Amino acid sequence: MANQELIFHQKMLEVYEKARDQDYFATYFKGMLDQYGGLETAKRLLAKSQPQTGLFRLWELKMLDSSMEALVIQERFSELFTEDEIQEAKNRLEELNYFKDY
């Protein structure tokens, strides 16, 4: 696993842990992380036509900054994703007014 990919994986685990600290147990997300790793999990979730319910749950908890989508759009991880994947993450966050809140 390349350095940036490993860092991304660790950050994805932090997404799960922060949500768990708020009593949100994203078992599907954690299972994907365990099976595929952080990068492949993000790519698979971004390829789905609709955002996952976990993103809406994080929005309810006012934790969008701790979402997978927020990680994907970070400049330091841009080399790991295609332009389309980054745009999909931005679109999902825009739909939940992420950029208006920050």
N, C-alpha and C. Protein backbone atom coordinates (compact mmCIF):
# COMPACT_ATOMS: atom_id res chain seq x y z
N MET A 1 0.86 -1.18 0.00
CA MET A 1 0.00 0.00 0.00
C MET A 1 0.90 1.24 0.00
N ALA A 2 0.70 2.12 -0.94
CA ALA A 2 1.50 3.34 -1.04
C ALA A 2 1.25 4.25 0.17
N ASN A 3 2.18 5.15 0.42
CA ASN A 3 2.11 6.01 1.59
C ASN A 3 0.80 6.79 1.67
N GLN A 4 0.43 7.51 0.60
CA GLN A 4 -0.82 8.29 0.62
C GLN A 4 -2.03 7.38 0.79
N GLU A 5 -1.98 6.23 0.18
CA GLU A 5 -3.09 5.28 0.31
C GLU A 5 -3.21 4.80 1.75
N LEU A 6 -2.10 4.55 2.40
CA LEU A 6 -2.10 4.12 3.80
C LEU A 6 -2.63 5.22 4.70
N ILE A 7 -2.20 6.44 4.46
CA ILE A 7 -2.71 7.58 5.24
C ILE A 7 -4.20 7.72 5.03
N PHE A 8 -4.66 7.59 3.78
CA PHE A 8 -6.09 7.68 3.50
C PHE A 8 -6.85 6.59 4.25
N HIS A 9 -6.33 5.38 4.24
CA HIS A 9 -6.96 4.28 4.96
C HIS A 9 -7.09 4.61 6.45
N GLN A 10 -6.04 5.14 7.04
CA GLN A 10 -6.09 5.51 8.46
C GLN A 10 -7.15 6.59 8.70
N LYS A 11 -7.25 7.54 7.80
CA LYS A 11 -8.27 8.59 7.94
C LYS A 11 -9.68 8.02 7.80
N MET A 12 -9.84 7.04 6.93
CA MET A 12 -11.14 6.38 6.79
C MET A 12 -11.51 5.65 8.08
N LEU A 13 -10.55 5.02 8.72
CA LEU A 13 -10.80 4.38 10.01
C LEU A 13 -11.21 5.42 11.05
N GLU A 14 -10.61 6.59 10.99
CA GLU A 14 -10.98 7.67 11.90
C GLU A 14 -12.41 8.13 11.66
N VAL A 15 -12.85 8.13 10.40
CA VAL A 15 -14.25 8.46 10.09
C VAL A 15 -15.17 7.52 10.87
N TYR A 16 -14.88 6.23 10.79
CA TYR A 16 -15.69 5.24 11.51
C TYR A 16 -15.63 5.49 13.02
N GLU A 17 -14.44 5.70 13.55
CA GLU A 17 -14.27 5.87 15.00
C GLU A 17 -14.97 7.12 15.52
N LYS A 18 -14.89 8.22 14.79
CA LYS A 18 -15.57 9.45 15.20
C LYS A 18 -17.08 9.26 15.22
N ALA A 19 -17.59 8.57 14.22
CA ALA A 19 -19.04 8.29 14.18
C ALA A 19 -19.43 7.38 15.34
N ARG A 20 -18.62 6.38 15.60
CA ARG A 20 -18.89 5.46 16.71
C ARG A 20 -18.91 6.21 18.04
N ASP A 21 -18.04 7.18 18.19
CA ASP A 21 -18.01 7.99 19.41
C ASP A 21 -19.31 8.75 19.62
N GLN A 22 -20.06 8.96 18.53
CA GLN A 22 -21.35 9.63 18.60
C GLN A 22 -22.51 8.62 18.59
N ASP A 23 -22.20 7.39 18.92
CA ASP A 23 -23.18 6.29 18.97
C ASP A 23 -23.77 5.95 17.61
N TYR A 24 -23.04 6.22 16.54
CA TYR A 24 -23.44 5.77 15.21
C TYR A 24 -22.47 4.68 14.79
N PHE A 25 -22.99 3.48 14.69
CA PHE A 25 -22.17 2.32 14.38
C PHE A 25 -22.37 1.95 12.91
N ALA A 26 -21.50 2.42 12.08
CA ALA A 26 -21.58 2.22 10.63
C ALA A 26 -20.98 0.86 10.28
N THR A 27 -21.71 -0.20 10.57
CA THR A 27 -21.17 -1.55 10.42
C THR A 27 -20.91 -1.91 8.96
N TYR A 28 -21.76 -1.48 8.05
CA TYR A 28 -21.54 -1.75 6.62
C TYR A 28 -20.24 -1.08 6.16
N PHE A 29 -20.07 0.17 6.55
CA PHE A 29 -18.86 0.93 6.21
C PHE A 29 -17.62 0.26 6.79
N LYS A 30 -17.69 -0.13 8.04
CA LYS A 30 -16.54 -0.78 8.69
C LYS A 30 -16.22 -2.11 8.03
N GLY A 31 -17.26 -2.86 7.67
CA GLY A 31 -17.05 -4.12 6.97
C GLY A 31 -16.35 -3.93 5.64
N MET A 32 -16.74 -2.88 4.92
CA MET A 32 -16.08 -2.58 3.65
C MET A 32 -14.62 -2.19 3.88
N LEU A 33 -14.37 -1.40 4.90
CA LEU A 33 -12.98 -1.02 5.21
C LEU A 33 -12.13 -2.25 5.50
N ASP A 34 -12.69 -3.16 6.28
CA ASP A 34 -11.95 -4.38 6.62
C ASP A 34 -11.71 -5.25 5.39
N GLN A 35 -12.69 -5.31 4.50
CA GLN A 35 -12.58 -6.17 3.33
C GLN A 35 -11.75 -5.56 2.21
N TYR A 36 -11.96 -4.27 1.94
CA TYR A 36 -11.36 -3.65 0.75
C TYR A 36 -10.26 -2.62 1.04
N GLY A 37 -10.20 -2.14 2.26
CA GLY A 37 -9.28 -1.04 2.56
C GLY A 37 -9.96 0.30 2.27
N GLY A 38 -9.36 1.36 2.74
CA GLY A 38 -9.97 2.68 2.64
C GLY A 38 -10.16 3.19 1.23
N LEU A 39 -9.16 3.06 0.40
CA LEU A 39 -9.25 3.60 -0.96
C LEU A 39 -10.31 2.89 -1.78
N GLU A 40 -10.29 1.58 -1.79
CA GLU A 40 -11.27 0.83 -2.58
C GLU A 40 -12.68 1.03 -2.04
N THR A 41 -12.82 1.15 -0.72
CA THR A 41 -14.13 1.43 -0.13
C THR A 41 -14.66 2.75 -0.64
N ALA A 42 -13.83 3.79 -0.62
CA ALA A 42 -14.26 5.10 -1.10
C ALA A 42 -14.66 5.03 -2.57
N LYS A 43 -13.86 4.38 -3.38
CA LYS A 43 -14.16 4.28 -4.81
C LYS A 43 -15.47 3.53 -5.05
N ARG A 44 -15.70 2.48 -4.31
CA ARG A 44 -16.94 1.72 -4.46
C ARG A 44 -18.15 2.55 -4.04
N LEU A 45 -18.03 3.27 -2.94
CA LEU A 45 -19.15 4.08 -2.47
C LEU A 45 -19.42 5.24 -3.42
N LEU A 46 -18.38 5.83 -3.97
CA LEU A 46 -18.57 6.93 -4.92
C LEU A 46 -19.16 6.46 -6.24
N ALA A 47 -18.96 5.21 -6.58
CA ALA A 47 -19.49 4.66 -7.84
C ALA A 47 -20.99 4.40 -7.76
N LYS A 48 -21.53 4.33 -6.56
CA LYS A 48 -22.98 4.11 -6.42
C LYS A 48 -23.71 5.37 -6.84
N SER A 49 -24.87 5.19 -7.44
CA SER A 49 -25.58 6.34 -8.00
C SER A 49 -26.15 7.27 -6.94
N GLN A 50 -26.40 6.76 -5.77
CA GLN A 50 -26.95 7.58 -4.69
C GLN A 50 -26.02 7.55 -3.48
N PRO A 51 -25.94 8.66 -2.75
CA PRO A 51 -25.14 8.65 -1.53
C PRO A 51 -25.67 7.61 -0.55
N GLN A 52 -24.80 7.11 0.28
CA GLN A 52 -25.18 6.11 1.27
C GLN A 52 -25.88 6.79 2.44
N THR A 53 -26.68 6.02 3.14
CA THR A 53 -27.40 6.56 4.30
C THR A 53 -26.44 7.07 5.36
N GLY A 54 -25.23 6.53 5.40
CA GLY A 54 -24.24 6.98 6.38
C GLY A 54 -23.91 8.46 6.24
N LEU A 55 -23.88 8.96 5.01
CA LEU A 55 -23.60 10.37 4.80
C LEU A 55 -24.71 11.22 5.40
N PHE A 56 -25.95 10.80 5.24
CA PHE A 56 -27.07 11.54 5.82
C PHE A 56 -27.03 11.48 7.34
N ARG A 57 -26.62 10.35 7.87
CA ARG A 57 -26.50 10.22 9.33
C ARG A 57 -25.42 11.17 9.86
N LEU A 58 -24.31 11.26 9.17
CA LEU A 58 -23.26 12.20 9.57
C LEU A 58 -23.76 13.63 9.47
N TRP A 59 -24.56 13.93 8.46
CA TRP A 59 -25.15 15.26 8.33
C TRP A 59 -26.03 15.56 9.54
N GLU A 60 -26.86 14.59 9.93
CA GLU A 60 -27.71 14.77 11.11
C GLU A 60 -26.89 15.03 12.37
N LEU A 61 -25.75 14.40 12.45
CA LEU A 61 -24.86 14.57 13.61
C LEU A 61 -23.96 15.79 13.48
N LYS A 62 -24.14 16.55 12.37
CA LYS A 62 -23.30 17.72 12.09
C LYS A 62 -21.82 17.32 12.02
N MET A 63 -21.59 16.21 11.32
CA MET A 63 -20.24 15.65 11.20
C MET A 63 -19.81 15.45 9.75
N LEU A 64 -20.33 16.26 8.84
CA LEU A 64 -19.95 16.09 7.44
C LEU A 64 -18.45 16.25 7.23
N ASP A 65 -17.81 17.05 8.08
CA ASP A 65 -16.36 17.21 7.95
C ASP A 65 -15.62 15.92 8.26
N SER A 66 -16.31 14.96 8.87
CA SER A 66 -15.73 13.65 9.17
C SER A 66 -16.21 12.57 8.21
N SER A 67 -16.71 12.97 7.06
CA SER A 67 -17.24 12.01 6.09
C SER A 67 -16.16 11.56 5.10
N MET A 68 -16.41 10.43 4.49
CA MET A 68 -15.53 9.93 3.44
C MET A 68 -15.44 10.95 2.30
N GLU A 69 -16.56 11.56 1.96
CA GLU A 69 -16.59 12.54 0.88
C GLU A 69 -15.68 13.74 1.19
N ALA A 70 -15.68 14.18 2.45
CA ALA A 70 -14.82 15.30 2.84
C ALA A 70 -13.34 14.93 2.74
N LEU A 71 -13.03 13.68 2.98
CA LEU A 71 -11.64 13.22 2.81
C LEU A 71 -11.25 13.22 1.33
N VAL A 72 -12.14 12.72 0.50
CA VAL A 72 -11.85 12.58 -0.93
C VAL A 72 -11.52 13.93 -1.56
N ILE A 73 -12.19 14.99 -1.15
CA ILE A 73 -11.96 16.29 -1.78
C ILE A 73 -10.73 17.02 -1.25
N GLN A 74 -10.08 16.47 -0.25
CA GLN A 74 -8.86 17.10 0.27
C GLN A 74 -7.75 17.02 -0.78
N GLU A 75 -7.08 18.13 -0.98
CA GLU A 75 -6.01 18.22 -1.98
C GLU A 75 -4.95 17.14 -1.80
N ARG A 76 -4.62 16.82 -0.58
CA ARG A 76 -3.54 15.85 -0.35
C ARG A 76 -3.87 14.45 -0.83
N PHE A 77 -5.16 14.17 -1.05
CA PHE A 77 -5.56 12.85 -1.53
C PHE A 77 -5.98 12.85 -2.99
N SER A 78 -5.85 13.98 -3.67
CA SER A 78 -6.36 14.11 -5.05
C SER A 78 -5.70 13.13 -6.02
N GLU A 79 -4.46 12.75 -5.76
CA GLU A 79 -3.78 11.81 -6.67
C GLU A 79 -4.38 10.41 -6.62
N LEU A 80 -5.16 10.13 -5.59
CA LEU A 80 -5.74 8.79 -5.43
C LEU A 80 -7.05 8.61 -6.20
N PHE A 81 -7.65 9.73 -6.63
CA PHE A 81 -8.99 9.68 -7.22
C PHE A 81 -9.03 10.33 -8.59
N THR A 82 -9.99 9.89 -9.39
CA THR A 82 -10.21 10.53 -10.68
C THR A 82 -10.96 11.85 -10.47
N GLU A 83 -10.94 12.69 -11.48
CA GLU A 83 -11.70 13.95 -11.40
C GLU A 83 -13.18 13.67 -11.18
N ASP A 84 -13.70 12.64 -11.82
CA ASP A 84 -15.11 12.29 -11.66
C ASP A 84 -15.43 11.88 -10.23
N GLU A 85 -14.55 11.12 -9.61
CA GLU A 85 -14.77 10.70 -8.22
C GLU A 85 -14.74 11.89 -7.27
N ILE A 86 -13.81 12.79 -7.49
CA ILE A 86 -13.72 13.99 -6.65
C ILE A 86 -14.96 14.85 -6.85
N GLN A 87 -15.41 14.98 -8.10
CA GLN A 87 -16.61 15.77 -8.37
C GLN A 87 -17.84 15.14 -7.73
N GLU A 88 -17.94 13.82 -7.76
CA GLU A 88 -19.07 13.13 -7.13
C GLU A 88 -19.09 13.41 -5.63
N ALA A 89 -17.93 13.36 -5.00
CA ALA A 89 -17.85 13.66 -3.56
C ALA A 89 -18.28 15.10 -3.30
N LYS A 90 -17.83 16.04 -4.13
CA LYS A 90 -18.23 17.44 -3.98
C LYS A 90 -19.73 17.61 -4.15
N ASN A 91 -20.28 16.95 -5.17
CA ASN A 91 -21.72 17.07 -5.42
C ASN A 91 -22.53 16.59 -4.23
N ARG A 92 -22.13 15.48 -3.65
CA ARG A 92 -22.86 14.94 -2.50
C ARG A 92 -22.79 15.90 -1.32
N LEU A 93 -21.64 16.48 -1.10
CA LEU A 93 -21.49 17.44 0.00
C LEU A 93 -22.26 18.72 -0.28
N GLU A 94 -22.26 19.17 -1.53
CA GLU A 94 -23.02 20.37 -1.90
C GLU A 94 -24.50 20.18 -1.65
N GLU A 95 -25.02 19.00 -1.95
CA GLU A 95 -26.44 18.71 -1.72
C GLU A 95 -26.83 18.86 -0.26
N LEU A 96 -25.87 18.70 0.63
CA LEU A 96 -26.13 18.81 2.07
C LEU A 96 -25.59 20.13 2.64
N ASN A 97 -25.35 21.10 1.75
CA ASN A 97 -24.90 22.44 2.13
C ASN A 97 -23.59 22.46 2.90
N TYR A 98 -22.73 21.51 2.65
CA TYR A 98 -21.45 21.43 3.35
C TYR A 98 -20.62 22.70 3.17
N PHE A 99 -20.56 23.21 1.97
CA PHE A 99 -19.70 24.35 1.70
C PHE A 99 -20.28 25.66 2.20
N LYS A 100 -21.57 25.71 2.46
CA LYS A 100 -22.18 26.91 3.03
C LYS A 100 -21.92 26.99 4.53
N ASP A 101 -21.71 25.83 5.14
CA ASP A 101 -21.50 25.79 6.58
C ASP A 101 -20.06 26.10 6.98
N TYR A 102 -19.15 26.02 6.00
CA TYR A 102 -17.73 26.17 6.34
C TYR A 102 -17.07 27.31 5.62
